[in-house]
Structures are given as C-alpha cells and as structure tokens.
Amino acid sequence: MKKLGYLLAIPAFALSVGCTNMTPTEQSTLSGAAIGAVGGAAISGMTGGNAGVGALIGGAAGAVVGNIYGQNQQKKR
C-alpha cells in the first residue's frame, strides 16, 4: 500500500510543478485534456469499447472545452 502512495504522489507532484509557468488558459486546457482522457477511457471501458480510443477522443474534446473555458475566464478579468 505504501508503494501505491508513492506511485500516485510522484506524478501528482510533477504535474503540479509543471503548471507553475503556465497561463490560466494553458492550465485549463491541460486540465480539460486530462479529465477528458480519464472520462473517455472510463466510459469506453465500461461500454466494452477500446479504452485507448476513448481516452484519445475524450482528451481531445476535453482540451478544446478547457481552452474555451480558459479564454472565457480571461475575458472576465
């Protein structure tokens, strides 16, 4: 169980450090892509499809939505 904690903590730390020099739009694009990829893989896997294809499509759609959201948030400031 301890190894699992390390396996999850190291990528989480790397991702949080990697976002420090990004604009809010870039951060929301990356977040949208990650959320979309996980969601696409999960839905595709549950329905009996190829999880890799679902992750690819979900990641692309999530990146587009995240980018649009980030641009709208910058306009409000």
Protein backbone atom coordinates (compact mmCIF):
# COMPACT_ATOMS: atom_id res chain seq x y z
CA MET A 1 0.00 0.00 0.00
CA LYS A 2 2.90 2.30 0.72
CA LYS A 3 4.26 1.79 -2.81
CA LEU A 4 0.92 2.80 -4.29
CA GLY A 5 1.04 6.06 -2.35
CA TYR A 6 4.47 6.83 -3.77
CA LEU A 7 3.33 5.93 -7.28
CA LEU A 8 0.45 8.38 -7.00
CA ALA A 9 2.34 11.14 -5.18
CA ILE A 10 5.26 11.42 -7.60
CA PRO A 11 3.19 12.13 -10.76
CA ALA A 12 0.91 14.48 -8.83
CA PHE A 13 3.92 16.46 -7.65
CA ALA A 14 5.43 16.53 -11.14
CA LEU A 15 2.19 17.78 -12.67
CA SER A 16 1.73 20.50 -10.08
CA VAL A 17 5.30 21.74 -10.53
CA GLY A 18 4.93 21.61 -14.30
CA CYS A 19 1.97 24.01 -14.25
CA THR A 20 3.71 26.86 -12.43
CA ASN A 21 4.79 28.77 -15.55
CA MET A 22 1.54 28.29 -17.46
CA THR A 23 -1.12 30.86 -18.18
CA PRO A 24 -4.61 30.19 -16.82
CA THR A 25 -5.76 29.24 -20.33
CA GLU A 26 -2.95 26.71 -20.69
CA GLN A 27 -3.73 25.27 -17.25
CA SER A 28 -7.41 24.85 -18.04
CA THR A 29 -6.56 23.28 -21.43
CA LEU A 30 -4.26 20.75 -19.77
CA SER A 31 -6.77 20.03 -17.00
CA GLY A 32 -9.57 19.60 -19.52
CA ALA A 33 -7.48 17.19 -21.57
CA ALA A 34 -6.60 15.10 -18.52
CA ILE A 35 -10.17 14.97 -17.25
CA GLY A 36 -11.47 14.18 -20.74
CA ALA A 37 -8.95 11.39 -21.24
CA VAL A 38 -9.83 9.72 -17.95
CA GLY A 39 -13.53 10.11 -18.57
CA GLY A 40 -13.30 8.87 -22.14
CA ALA A 41 -11.27 5.83 -21.13
CA ALA A 42 -13.65 5.01 -18.29
CA ILE A 43 -16.80 5.32 -20.39
CA SER A 44 -15.29 3.41 -23.28
CA GLY A 45 -14.05 0.67 -20.98
CA MET A 46 -17.44 0.32 -19.28
CA THR A 47 -19.26 0.01 -22.58
CA GLY A 48 -16.91 -2.64 -23.91
CA GLY A 49 -15.01 -0.42 -26.33
CA ASN A 50 -11.31 0.29 -26.65
CA ALA A 51 -10.22 2.40 -23.65
CA GLY A 52 -7.27 3.86 -25.59
CA VAL A 53 -9.52 5.25 -28.31
CA GLY A 54 -11.90 6.61 -25.69
CA ALA A 55 -9.01 8.32 -23.91
CA LEU A 56 -7.80 9.85 -27.17
CA ILE A 57 -11.19 11.22 -28.15
CA GLY A 58 -12.03 12.33 -24.62
CA GLY A 59 -8.65 14.03 -24.20
CA ALA A 60 -9.04 15.96 -27.43
CA ALA A 61 -12.57 17.05 -26.59
CA GLY A 62 -11.55 17.98 -23.05
CA ALA A 63 -8.64 20.08 -24.32
CA VAL A 64 -10.93 22.04 -26.62
CA VAL A 65 -13.51 22.65 -23.90
CA GLY A 66 -10.80 23.55 -21.37
CA ASN A 67 -9.25 26.02 -23.79
CA ILE A 68 -12.57 27.72 -24.47
CA TYR A 69 -13.29 27.87 -20.74
CA GLY A 70 -9.85 29.36 -20.02
CA GLN A 71 -10.25 32.02 -22.69
CA ASN A 72 -13.66 33.00 -21.33
CA GLN A 73 -12.26 33.27 -17.81
CA GLN A 74 -9.50 35.63 -19.01
CA LYS A 75 -12.04 37.86 -20.75
CA LYS A 76 -13.95 38.26 -17.48
CA ARG A 77 -10.90 39.63 -15.68
